Amino acid sequence: LALGSLYGSVFSQTTICRFEALQLSFKNMCKLRPLLDKWLLEADSSSCVPAGLDKVTTAGRKRKKRTSIEMGVKGALEVHFLRQTKPNAQMIGQLADSLGLEKEVV
């Protein structure tokens, strides 16, 4: 991701791995090679900051905070899902309201 953000193109981790394993077409490898060389040179020189690093740090994906569930709430959820293994959306909403959780958490 950082590589793609630095140079204006999006290169997935899969693409980079396939490049390393020589599993890309010759044409695709020829297109990637100059960018990878430039990235490696900038990464190796520890004294200079790459010319797009600020953009990389601000353009990162926002991650959701890990949800922690109290033991009592966890127990209530387990009991409910043992009785009703596939609740519908309305039941999930009611359960979330009764436990004081967001619907997405339940």
PDB file of N, CA and C in Angstrom:
ATOM      1  N   LEU A   1       0.823  -1.199   0.000  1.00  0.00           N
ATOM      2  CA  LEU A   1       0.000   0.000   0.000  1.00  0.00           C
ATOM      3  C   LEU A   1       0.861   1.254   0.000  1.00  0.00           C
ATOM      4  N   ALA A   2       1.878   1.282   0.829  1.00  0.00           N
ATOM      5  CA  ALA A   2       2.725   2.464   0.895  1.00  0.00           C
ATOM      6  C   ALA A   2       3.388   2.729  -0.442  1.00  0.00           C
ATOM      7  N   LEU A   3       3.802   1.692  -1.097  1.00  0.00           N
ATOM      8  CA  LEU A   3       4.448   1.840  -2.395  1.00  0.00           C
ATOM      9  C   LEU A   3       3.497   2.476  -3.388  1.00  0.00           C
ATOM     10  N   GLY A   4       2.279   2.011  -3.442  1.00  0.00           N
ATOM     11  CA  GLY A   4       1.293   2.573  -4.362  1.00  0.00           C
ATOM     12  C   GLY A   4       0.936   3.995  -4.007  1.00  0.00           C
ATOM     13  N   SER A   5       0.831   4.297  -2.737  1.00  0.00           N
ATOM     14  CA  SER A   5       0.487   5.651  -2.314  1.00  0.00           C
ATOM     15  C   SER A   5       1.606   6.630  -2.640  1.00  0.00           C
ATOM     16  N   LEU A   6       2.834   6.177  -2.535  1.00  0.00           N
ATOM     17  CA  LEU A   6       3.959   7.065  -2.814  1.00  0.00           C
ATOM     18  C   LEU A   6       4.039   7.451  -4.278  1.00  0.00           C
ATOM     19  N   TYR A   7       3.739   6.563  -5.163  1.00  0.00           N
ATOM     20  CA  TYR A   7       3.970   6.812  -6.574  1.00  0.00           C
ATOM     21  C   TYR A   7       2.696   6.921  -7.394  1.00  0.00           C
ATOM     22  N   GLY A   8       1.574   7.088  -6.751  1.00  0.00           N
ATOM     23  CA  GLY A   8       0.345   7.390  -7.458  1.00  0.00           C
ATOM     24  C   GLY A   8      -0.389   6.216  -8.063  1.00  0.00           C
ATOM     25  N   SER A   9       0.105   5.034  -7.926  1.00  0.00           N
ATOM     26  CA  SER A   9      -0.577   3.852  -8.436  1.00  0.00           C
ATOM     27  C   SER A   9      -0.880   2.943  -7.261  1.00  0.00           C
ATOM     28  N   VAL A  10      -1.826   2.074  -7.451  1.00  0.00           N
ATOM     29  CA  VAL A  10      -2.169   1.161  -6.373  1.00  0.00           C
ATOM     30  C   VAL A  10      -1.593  -0.208  -6.699  1.00  0.00           C
ATOM     31  N   PHE A  11      -0.660  -0.655  -5.883  1.00  0.00           N
ATOM     32  CA  PHE A  11      -0.076  -1.980  -6.030  1.00  0.00           C
ATOM     33  C   PHE A  11      -0.486  -2.793  -4.821  1.00  0.00           C
ATOM     34  N   SER A  12      -1.182  -3.868  -5.045  1.00  0.00           N
ATOM     35  CA  SER A  12      -1.601  -4.698  -3.924  1.00  0.00           C
ATOM     36  C   SER A  12      -0.422  -5.526  -3.430  1.00  0.00           C
ATOM     37  N   GLN A  13      -0.568  -6.032  -2.222  1.00  0.00           N
ATOM     38  CA  GLN A  13       0.457  -6.912  -1.667  1.00  0.00           C
ATOM     39  C   GLN A  13       0.608  -8.148  -2.544  1.00  0.00           C
ATOM     40  N   THR A  14      -0.499  -8.600  -3.110  1.00  0.00           N
ATOM     41  CA  THR A  14      -0.469  -9.763  -3.996  1.00  0.00           C
ATOM     42  C   THR A  14       0.404  -9.494  -5.210  1.00  0.00           C
ATOM     43  N   THR A  15       0.266  -8.297  -5.785  1.00  0.00           N
ATOM     44  CA  THR A  15       1.074  -7.943  -6.955  1.00  0.00           C
ATOM     45  C   THR A  15       2.552  -7.933  -6.606  1.00  0.00           C
ATOM     46  N   ILE A  16       2.898  -7.360  -5.463  1.00  0.00           N
ATOM     47  CA  ILE A  16       4.299  -7.312  -5.049  1.00  0.00           C
ATOM     48  C   ILE A  16       4.835  -8.728  -4.837  1.00  0.00           C
ATOM     49  N   CYS A  17       4.041  -9.574  -4.188  1.00  0.00           N
ATOM     50  CA  CYS A  17       4.472 -10.960  -3.952  1.00  0.00           C
ATOM     51  C   CYS A  17       4.648 -11.715  -5.263  1.00  0.00           C
ATOM     52  N   ARG A  18       3.738 -11.489  -6.191  1.00  0.00           N
ATOM     53  CA  ARG A  18       3.862 -12.163  -7.495  1.00  0.00           C
ATOM     54  C   ARG A  18       5.088 -11.671  -8.251  1.00  0.00           C
ATOM     55  N   PHE A  19       5.418 -10.387  -8.096  1.00  0.00           N
ATOM     56  CA  PHE A  19       6.631  -9.858  -8.713  1.00  0.00           C
ATOM     57  C   PHE A  19       7.849 -10.569  -8.136  1.00  0.00           C
ATOM     58  N   GLU A  20       7.891 -10.678  -6.810  1.00  0.00           N
ATOM     59  CA  GLU A  20       9.025 -11.330  -6.156  1.00  0.00           C
ATOM     60  C   GLU A  20       9.150 -12.793  -6.550  1.00  0.00           C
ATOM     61  N   ALA A  21       8.020 -13.452  -6.766  1.00  0.00           N
ATOM     62  CA  ALA A  21       8.031 -14.877  -7.109  1.00  0.00           C
ATOM     63  C   ALA A  21       8.115 -15.109  -8.617  1.00  0.00           C
ATOM     64  N   LEU A  22       8.282 -14.038  -9.357  1.00  0.00           N
ATOM     65  CA  LEU A  22       8.366 -14.104 -10.827  1.00  0.00           C
ATOM     66  C   LEU A  22       7.118 -14.748 -11.438  1.00  0.00           C
ATOM     67  N   GLN A  23       5.961 -14.399 -10.897  1.00  0.00           N
ATOM     68  CA  GLN A  23       4.711 -14.963 -11.380  1.00  0.00           C
ATOM     69  C   GLN A  23       3.877 -13.956 -12.165  1.00  0.00           C
ATOM     70  N   LEU A  24       4.469 -12.836 -12.544  1.00  0.00           N
ATOM     71  CA  LEU A  24       3.775 -11.848 -13.368  1.00  0.00           C
ATOM     72  C   LEU A  24       4.250 -11.964 -14.804  1.00  0.00           C
ATOM     73  N   SER A  25       3.477 -11.412 -15.701  1.00  0.00           N
ATOM     74  CA  SER A  25       3.910 -11.411 -17.097  1.00  0.00           C
ATOM     75  C   SER A  25       5.122 -10.491 -17.241  1.00  0.00           C
ATOM     76  N   PHE A  26       5.879 -10.720 -18.285  1.00  0.00           N
ATOM     77  CA  PHE A  26       7.074  -9.922 -18.534  1.00  0.00           C
ATOM     78  C   PHE A  26       6.718  -8.441 -18.655  1.00  0.00           C
ATOM     79  N   LYS A  27       5.628  -8.157 -19.340  1.00  0.00           N
ATOM     80  CA  LYS A  27       5.198  -6.775 -19.552  1.00  0.00           C
ATOM     81  C   LYS A  27       4.867  -6.093 -18.217  1.00  0.00           C
ATOM     82  N   ASN A  28       4.136  -6.795 -17.349  1.00  0.00           N
ATOM     83  CA  ASN A  28       3.799  -6.222 -16.044  1.00  0.00           C
ATOM     84  C   ASN A  28       5.041  -6.016 -15.188  1.00  0.00           C
ATOM     85  N   MET A  29       5.968  -6.952 -15.255  1.00  0.00           N
ATOM     86  CA  MET A  29       7.197  -6.816 -14.475  1.00  0.00           C
ATOM     87  C   MET A  29       8.021  -5.632 -14.961  1.00  0.00           C
ATOM     88  N   CYS A  30       8.039  -5.418 -16.260  1.00  0.00           N
ATOM     89  CA  CYS A  30       8.776  -4.282 -16.813  1.00  0.00           C
ATOM     90  C   CYS A  30       8.165  -2.957 -16.360  1.00  0.00           C
ATOM     91  N   LYS A  31       6.839  -2.918 -16.203  1.00  0.00           N
ATOM     92  CA  LYS A  31       6.186  -1.698 -15.733  1.00  0.00           C
ATOM     93  C   LYS A  31       6.476  -1.449 -14.253  1.00  0.00           C
ATOM     94  N   LEU A  32       6.557  -2.504 -13.472  1.00  0.00           N
ATOM     95  CA  LEU A  32       6.761  -2.359 -12.029  1.00  0.00           C
ATOM     96  C   LEU A  32       8.218  -2.131 -11.642  1.00  0.00           C
ATOM     97  N   ARG A  33       9.122  -2.649 -12.406  1.00  0.00           N
ATOM     98  CA  ARG A  33      10.540  -2.629 -12.046  1.00  0.00           C
ATOM     99  C   ARG A  33      11.081  -1.236 -11.732  1.00  0.00           C
ATOM    100  N   PRO A  34      10.859  -0.219 -12.578  1.00  0.00           N
ATOM    101  CA  PRO A  34      11.415   1.100 -12.256  1.00  0.00           C
ATOM    102  C   PRO A  34      10.864   1.677 -10.947  1.00  0.00           C
ATOM    103  N   LEU A  35       9.588   1.461 -10.698  1.00  0.00           N
ATOM    104  CA  LEU A  35       8.998   1.975  -9.461  1.00  0.00           C
ATOM    105  C   LEU A  35       9.553   1.261  -8.243  1.00  0.00           C
ATOM    106  N   LEU A  36       9.736  -0.044  -8.359  1.00  0.00           N
ATOM    107  CA  LEU A  36      10.302  -0.804  -7.245  1.00  0.00           C
ATOM    108  C   LEU A  36      11.754  -0.418  -6.993  1.00  0.00           C
ATOM    109  N   ASP A  37      12.507  -0.198  -8.058  1.00  0.00           N
ATOM    110  CA  ASP A  37      13.897   0.242  -7.901  1.00  0.00           C
ATOM    111  C   ASP A  37      13.967   1.587  -7.179  1.00  0.00           C
ATOM    112  N   LYS A  38      13.120   2.518  -7.603  1.00  0.00           N
ATOM    113  CA  LYS A  38      13.098   3.845  -6.985  1.00  0.00           C
ATOM    114  C   LYS A  38      12.711   3.738  -5.510  1.00  0.00           C
ATOM    115  N   TRP A  39      11.712   2.910  -5.227  1.00  0.00           N
ATOM    116  CA  TRP A  39      11.260   2.735  -3.848  1.00  0.00           C
ATOM    117  C   TRP A  39      12.370   2.134  -2.983  1.00  0.00           C
ATOM    118  N   LEU A  40      13.084   1.134  -3.526  1.00  0.00           N
ATOM    119  CA  LEU A  40      14.172   0.511  -2.775  1.00  0.00           C
ATOM    120  C   LEU A  40      15.303   1.498  -2.487  1.00  0.00           C
ATOM    121  N   LEU A  41      15.640   2.326  -3.464  1.00  0.00           N
ATOM    122  CA  LEU A  41      16.687   3.325  -3.247  1.00  0.00           C
ATOM    123  C   LEU A  41      16.299   4.289  -2.133  1.00  0.00           C
ATOM    124  N   GLU A  42      15.048   4.745  -2.149  1.00  0.00           N
ATOM    125  CA  GLU A  42      14.600   5.670  -1.112  1.00  0.00           C
ATOM    126  C   GLU A  42      14.528   4.988   0.254  1.00  0.00           C
ATOM    127  N   ALA A  43      14.142   3.725   0.264  1.00  0.00           N
ATOM    128  CA  ALA A  43      14.042   2.997   1.532  1.00  0.00           C
ATOM    129  C   ALA A  43      15.423   2.731   2.117  1.00  0.00           C
ATOM    130  N   ASP A  44      16.410   2.492   1.251  1.00  0.00           N
ATOM    131  CA  ASP A  44      17.765   2.210   1.722  1.00  0.00           C
ATOM    132  C   ASP A  44      18.473   3.447   2.259  1.00  0.00           C
ATOM    133  N   SER A  45      18.148   4.611   1.722  1.00  0.00           N
ATOM    134  CA  SER A  45      18.812   5.829   2.204  1.00  0.00           C
ATOM    135  C   SER A  45      18.088   6.303   3.455  1.00  0.00           C
ATOM    136  N   SER A  46      18.684   6.064   4.584  1.00  0.00           N
ATOM    137  CA  SER A  46      18.032   6.359   5.865  1.00  0.00           C
ATOM    138  C   SER A  46      18.017   7.848   6.185  1.00  0.00           C
ATOM    139  N   SER A  47      18.854   8.644   5.523  1.00  0.00           N
ATOM    140  CA  SER A  47      18.927  10.062   5.859  1.00  0.00           C
ATOM    141  C   SER A  47      17.802  10.880   5.243  1.00  0.00           C
ATOM    142  N   CYS A  48      17.218  10.414   4.152  1.00  0.00           N
ATOM    143  CA  CYS A  48      16.165  11.208   3.518  1.00  0.00           C
ATOM    144  C   CYS A  48      14.799  10.551   3.718  1.00  0.00           C
ATOM    145  N   VAL A  49      13.804  11.400   3.861  1.00  0.00           N
ATOM    146  CA  VAL A  49      12.430  10.923   3.997  1.00  0.00           C
ATOM    147  C   VAL A  49      11.836  10.850   2.603  1.00  0.00           C
ATOM    148  N   PRO A  50      11.191   9.752   2.222  1.00  0.00           N
ATOM    149  CA  PRO A  50      10.597   9.651   0.892  1.00  0.00           C
ATOM    150  C   PRO A  50       9.644  10.798   0.620  1.00  0.00           C
ATOM    151  N   ALA A  51       9.581  11.167  -0.647  1.00  0.00           N
ATOM    152  CA  ALA A  51       8.820  12.342  -1.039  1.00  0.00           C
ATOM    153  C   ALA A  51       7.334  12.131  -1.005  1.00  0.00           C
ATOM    154  N   GLY A  52       6.747  11.343  -0.338  1.00  0.00           N
ATOM    155  CA  GLY A  52       5.297  11.238  -0.296  1.00  0.00           C
ATOM    156  C   GLY A  52       4.883  10.606   1.008  1.00  0.00           C
ATOM    157  N   LEU A  53       5.781  10.595   1.951  1.00  0.00           N
ATOM    158  CA  LEU A  53       5.511   9.900   3.203  1.00  0.00           C
ATOM    159  C   LEU A  53       4.342  10.511   3.952  1.00  0.00           C
ATOM    160  N   ASP A  54       4.229  11.843   3.928  1.00  0.00           N
ATOM    161  CA  ASP A  54       3.097  12.478   4.601  1.00  0.00           C
ATOM    162  C   ASP A  54       1.789  12.023   3.992  1.00  0.00           C
ATOM    163  N   LYS A  55       1.778  11.899   2.673  1.00  0.00           N
ATOM    164  CA  LYS A  55       0.567  11.455   1.988  1.00  0.00           C
ATOM    165  C   LYS A  55       0.224  10.025   2.381  1.00  0.00           C
ATOM    166  N   VAL A  56       1.233   9.199   2.590  1.00  0.00           N
ATOM    167  CA  VAL A  56       0.999   7.806   2.971  1.00  0.00           C
ATOM    168  C   VAL A  56       0.383   7.732   4.355  1.00  0.00           C
ATOM    169  N   THR A  57       0.918   8.503   5.285  1.00  0.00           N
ATOM    170  CA  THR A  57       0.406   8.416   6.651  1.00  0.00           C
ATOM    171  C   THR A  57      -1.003   8.961   6.768  1.00  0.00           C
ATOM    172  N   THR A  58      -1.342   9.978   5.996  1.00  0.00           N
ATOM    173  CA  THR A  58      -2.696  10.520   6.081  1.00  0.00           C
ATOM    174  C   THR A  58      -3.679   9.736   5.235  1.00  0.00           C
ATOM    175  N   ALA A  59      -3.200   9.029   4.224  1.00  0.00           N
ATOM    176  CA  ALA A  59      -4.107   8.297   3.344  1.00  0.00           C
ATOM    177  C   ALA A  59      -4.363   6.878   3.819  1.00  0.00           C
ATOM    178  N   GLY A  60      -3.828   6.500   4.977  1.00  0.00           N
ATOM    179  CA  GLY A  60      -4.020   5.143   5.486  1.00  0.00           C
ATOM    180  C   GLY A  60      -5.474   4.857   5.787  1.00  0.00           C
ATOM    181  N   ARG A  61      -5.810   3.603   5.750  1.00  0.00           N
ATOM    182  CA  ARG A  61      -7.182   3.205   6.038  1.00  0.00           C
ATOM    183  C   ARG A  61      -7.488   3.412   7.507  1.00  0.00           C
ATOM    184  N   LYS A  62      -8.705   3.846   7.760  1.00  0.00           N
ATOM    185  CA  LYS A  62      -9.132   3.995   9.145  1.00  0.00           C
ATOM    186  C   LYS A  62      -9.559   2.633   9.654  1.00  0.00           C
ATOM    187  N   ARG A  63      -9.031   2.262  10.784  1.00  0.00           N
ATOM    188  CA  ARG A  63      -9.371   0.969  11.372  1.00  0.00           C
ATOM    189  C   ARG A  63     -10.300   1.180  12.548  1.00  0.00           C
ATOM    190  N   LYS A  64     -11.222   0.262  12.677  1.00  0.00           N
ATOM    191  CA  LYS A  64     -12.121   0.321  13.818  1.00  0.00           C
ATOM    192  C   LYS A  64     -11.388  -0.184  15.052  1.00  0.00           C
ATOM    193  N   LYS A  65     -11.739   0.416  16.174  1.00  0.00           N
ATOM    194  CA  LYS A  65     -11.159  -0.001  17.439  1.00  0.00           C
ATOM    195  C   LYS A  65     -11.709  -1.372  17.803  1.00  0.00           C
ATOM    196  N   ARG A  66     -10.886  -2.218  18.356  1.00  0.00           N
ATOM    197  CA  ARG A  66     -11.320  -3.555  18.755  1.00  0.00           C
ATOM    198  C   ARG A  66     -12.372  -3.443  19.844  1.00  0.00           C
ATOM    199  N   THR A  67     -13.437  -4.193  19.688  1.00  0.00           N
ATOM    200  CA  THR A  67     -14.528  -4.170  20.654  1.00  0.00           C
ATOM    201  C   THR A  67     -14.219  -5.106  21.805  1.00  0.00           C
ATOM    202  N   SER A  68     -14.364  -4.578  23.011  1.00  0.00           N
ATOM    203  CA  SER A  68     -14.219  -5.440  24.182  1.00  0.00           C
ATOM    204  C   SER A  68     -15.590  -5.542  24.841  1.00  0.00           C
ATOM    205  N   ILE A  69     -15.981  -6.752  25.158  1.00  0.00           N
ATOM    206  CA  ILE A  69     -17.304  -7.016  25.709  1.00  0.00           C
ATOM    207  C   ILE A  69     -17.148  -7.518  27.135  1.00  0.00           C
ATOM    208  N   GLU A  70     -17.928  -6.932  28.036  1.00  0.00           N
ATOM    209  CA  GLU A  70     -17.880  -7.338  29.440  1.00  0.00           C
ATOM    210  C   GLU A  70     -18.348  -8.780  29.574  1.00  0.00           C
ATOM    211  N   MET A  71     -17.901  -9.431  30.633  1.00  0.00           N
ATOM    212  CA  MET A  71     -18.222 -10.852  30.833  1.00  0.00           C
ATOM    213  C   MET A  71     -19.728 -11.095  30.937  1.00  0.00           C
ATOM    214  N   GLY A  72     -20.452 -10.235  31.659  1.00  0.00           N
ATOM    215  CA  GLY A  72     -21.897 -10.412  31.797  1.00  0.00           C
ATOM    216  C   GLY A  72     -22.612 -10.294  30.466  1.00  0.00           C
ATOM    217  N   VAL A  73     -22.202  -9.311  29.674  1.00  0.00           N
ATOM    218  CA  VAL A  73     -22.802  -9.110  28.354  1.00  0.00           C
ATOM    219  C   VAL A  73     -22.451 -10.282  27.447  1.00  0.00           C
ATOM    220  N   LYS A  74     -21.208 -10.724  27.533  1.00  0.00           N
ATOM    221  CA  LYS A  74     -20.777 -11.865  26.719  1.00  0.00           C
ATOM    222  C   LYS A  74     -21.607 -13.102  27.058  1.00  0.00           C
ATOM    223  N   GLY A  75     -21.823 -13.330  28.334  1.00  0.00           N
ATOM    224  CA  GLY A  75     -22.632 -14.471  28.758  1.00  0.00           C
ATOM    225  C   GLY A  75     -24.056 -14.379  28.236  1.00  0.00           C
ATOM    226  N   ALA A  76     -24.635 -13.172  28.301  1.00  0.00           N
ATOM    227  CA  ALA A  76     -25.999 -12.979  27.801  1.00  0.00           C
ATOM    228  C   ALA A  76     -26.069 -13.246  26.300  1.00  0.00           C
ATOM    229  N   LEU A  77     -25.065 -12.799  25.570  1.00  0.00           N
ATOM    230  CA  LEU A  77     -25.030 -13.049  24.121  1.00  0.00           C
ATOM    231  C   LEU A  77     -24.916 -14.543  23.826  1.00  0.00           C
ATOM    232  N   GLU A  78     -24.051 -15.220  24.563  1.00  0.00           N
ATOM    233  CA  GLU A  78     -23.878 -16.658  24.339  1.00  0.00           C
ATOM    234  C   GLU A  78     -25.166 -17.420  24.603  1.00  0.00           C
ATOM    235  N   VAL A  79     -25.855 -17.077  25.697  1.00  0.00           N
ATOM    236  CA  VAL A  79     -27.118 -17.746  26.021  1.00  0.00           C
ATOM    237  C   VAL A  79     -28.148 -17.491  24.927  1.00  0.00           C
ATOM    238  N   HIS A  80     -28.222 -16.227  24.488  1.00  0.00           N
ATOM    239  CA  HIS A  80     -29.205 -15.893  23.455  1.00  0.00           C
ATOM    240  C   HIS A  80     -28.927 -16.647  22.158  1.00  0.00           C
ATOM    241  N   PHE A  81     -27.662 -16.691  21.747  1.00  0.00           N
ATOM    242  CA  PHE A  81     -27.333 -17.349  20.483  1.00  0.00           C
ATOM    243  C   PHE A  81     -27.385 -18.871  20.585  1.00  0.00           C
ATOM    244  N   LEU A  82     -27.320 -19.413  21.786  1.00  0.00           N
ATOM    245  CA  LEU A  82     -27.547 -20.854  21.936  1.00  0.00           C
ATOM    246  C   LEU A  82     -29.018 -21.183  21.714  1.00  0.00           C
ATOM    247  N   ARG A  83     -29.904 -20.300  22.204  1.00  0.00           N
ATOM    248  CA  ARG A  83     -31.343 -20.522  22.026  1.00  0.00           C
ATOM    249  C   ARG A  83     -31.782 -20.206  20.604  1.00  0.00           C
ATOM    250  N   GLN A  84     -31.272 -19.112  20.049  1.00  0.00           N
ATOM    251  CA  GLN A  84     -31.670 -18.658  18.707  1.00  0.00           C
ATOM    252  C   GLN A  84     -30.395 -18.479  17.891  1.00  0.00           C
ATOM    253  N   THR A  85     -30.017 -19.511  17.118  1.00  0.00           N
ATOM    254  CA  THR A  85     -28.731 -19.473  16.413  1.00  0.00           C
ATOM    255  C   THR A  85     -28.718 -18.517  15.227  1.00  0.00           C
ATOM    256  N   LYS A  86     -29.868 -18.258  14.630  1.00  0.00           N
ATOM    257  CA  LYS A  86     -29.921 -17.355  13.472  1.00  0.00           C
ATOM    258  C   LYS A  86     -31.020 -16.311  13.661  1.00  0.00           C
ATOM    259  N   PRO A  87     -30.777 -15.314  14.523  1.00  0.00           N
ATOM    260  CA  PRO A  87     -31.800 -14.286  14.736  1.00  0.00           C
ATOM    261  C   PRO A  87     -31.900 -13.353  13.527  1.00  0.00           C
ATOM    262  N   ASN A  88     -33.090 -12.788  13.324  1.00  0.00           N
ATOM    263  CA  ASN A  88     -33.255 -11.836  12.221  1.00  0.00           C
ATOM    264  C   ASN A  88     -32.754 -10.459  12.670  1.00  0.00           C
ATOM    265  N   ALA A  89     -32.784  -9.502  11.758  1.00  0.00           N
ATOM    266  CA  ALA A  89     -32.242  -8.171  12.032  1.00  0.00           C
ATOM    267  C   ALA A  89     -32.985  -7.484  13.173  1.00  0.00           C
ATOM    268  N   GLN A  90     -34.290  -7.674  13.229  1.00  0.00           N
ATOM    269  CA  GLN A  90     -35.077  -7.042  14.287  1.00  0.00           C
ATOM    270  C   GLN A  90     -34.675  -7.595  15.661  1.00  0.00           C
ATOM    271  N   MET A  91     -34.503  -8.901  15.751  1.00  0.00           N
ATOM    272  CA  MET A  91     -34.105  -9.514  17.019  1.00  0.00           C
ATOM    273  C   MET A  91     -32.710  -9.049  17.445  1.00  0.00           C
ATOM    274  N   ILE A  92     -31.820  -8.918  16.483  1.00  0.00           N
ATOM    275  CA  ILE A  92     -30.465  -8.442  16.788  1.00  0.00           C
ATOM    276  C   ILE A  92     -30.524  -7.013  17.312  1.00  0.00           C
ATOM    277  N   GLY A  93     -31.355  -6.182  16.679  1.00  0.00           N
ATOM    278  CA  GLY A  93     -31.519  -4.807  17.137  1.00  0.00           C
ATOM    279  C   GLY A  93     -32.065  -4.732  18.548  1.00  0.00           C
ATOM    280  N   GLN A  94     -33.061  -5.562  18.848  1.00  0.00           N
ATOM    281  CA  GLN A  94     -33.640  -5.583  20.192  1.00  0.00           C
ATOM    282  C   GLN A  94     -32.605  -6.050  21.219  1.00  0.00           C
ATOM    283  N   LEU A  95     -31.855  -7.069  20.864  1.00  0.00           N
ATOM    284  CA  LEU A  95     -30.822  -7.579  21.764  1.00  0.00           C
ATOM    285  C   LEU A  95     -29.757  -6.515  22.022  1.00  0.00           C
ATOM    286  N   ALA A  96     -29.356  -5.818  20.961  1.00  0.00           N
ATOM    287  CA  ALA A  96     -28.359  -4.754  21.103  1.00  0.00           C
ATOM    288  C   ALA A  96     -28.878  -3.654  22.024  1.00  0.00           C
ATOM    289  N   ASP A  97     -30.132  -3.256  21.827  1.00  0.00           N
ATOM    290  CA  ASP A  97     -30.716  -2.214  22.680  1.00  0.00           C
ATOM    291  C   ASP A  97     -30.775  -2.657  24.137  1.00  0.00           C
ATOM    292  N   SER A  98     -31.185  -3.889  24.359  1.00  0.00           N
ATOM    293  CA  SER A  98     -31.327  -4.365  25.739  1.00  0.00           C
ATOM    294  C   SER A  98     -29.977  -4.487  26.455  1.00  0.00           C
ATOM    295  N   LEU A  99     -28.914  -4.747  25.688  1.00  0.00           N
ATOM    296  CA  LEU A  99     -27.585  -4.894  26.294  1.00  0.00           C
ATOM    297  C   LEU A  99     -26.764  -3.607  26.244  1.00  0.00           C
ATOM    298  N   GLY A 100     -27.307  -2.582  25.570  1.00  0.00           N
ATOM    299  CA  GLY A 100     -26.583  -1.318  25.459  1.00  0.00           C
ATOM    300  C   GLY A 100     -25.404  -1.386  24.512  1.00  0.00           C
ATOM    301  N   LEU A 101     -25.528  -2.189  23.465  1.00  0.00           N
ATOM    302  CA  LEU A 101     -24.464  -2.332  22.467  1.00  0.00           C
ATOM    303  C   LEU A 101     -24.930  -1.788  21.126  1.00  0.00           C
ATOM    304  N   GLU A 102     -23.970  -1.555  20.239  1.00  0.00           N
ATOM    305  CA  GLU A 102     -24.322  -1.205  18.870  1.00  0.00           C
ATOM    306  C   GLU A 102     -24.766  -2.465  18.150  1.00  0.00           C
ATOM    307  N   LYS A 103     -25.650  -2.284  17.191  1.00  0.00           N
ATOM    308  CA  LYS A 103     -26.182  -3.430  16.443  1.00  0.00           C
ATOM    309  C   LYS A 103     -25.055  -4.186  15.735  1.00  0.00           C
ATOM    310  N   GLU A 104     -24.060  -3.445  15.237  1.00  0.00           N
ATOM    311  CA  GLU A 104     -22.941  -4.074  14.521  1.00  0.00           C
ATOM    312  C   GLU A 104     -22.109  -4.972  15.432  1.00  0.00           C
ATOM    313  N   VAL A 105     -22.076  -4.648  16.716  1.00  0.00           N
ATOM    314  CA  VAL A 105     -21.295  -5.438  17.668  1.00  0.00           C
ATOM    315  C   VAL A 105     -21.966  -6.776  17.922  1.00  0.00           C
ATOM    316  N   VAL A 106     -23.310  -6.752  18.025  1.00  0.00           N
ATOM    317  CA  VAL A 106     -24.049  -7.984  18.283  1.00  0.00           C
ATOM    318  C   VAL A 106     -23.969  -8.839  17.047  1.00  0.00           C
TER     319      VAL A 106
END
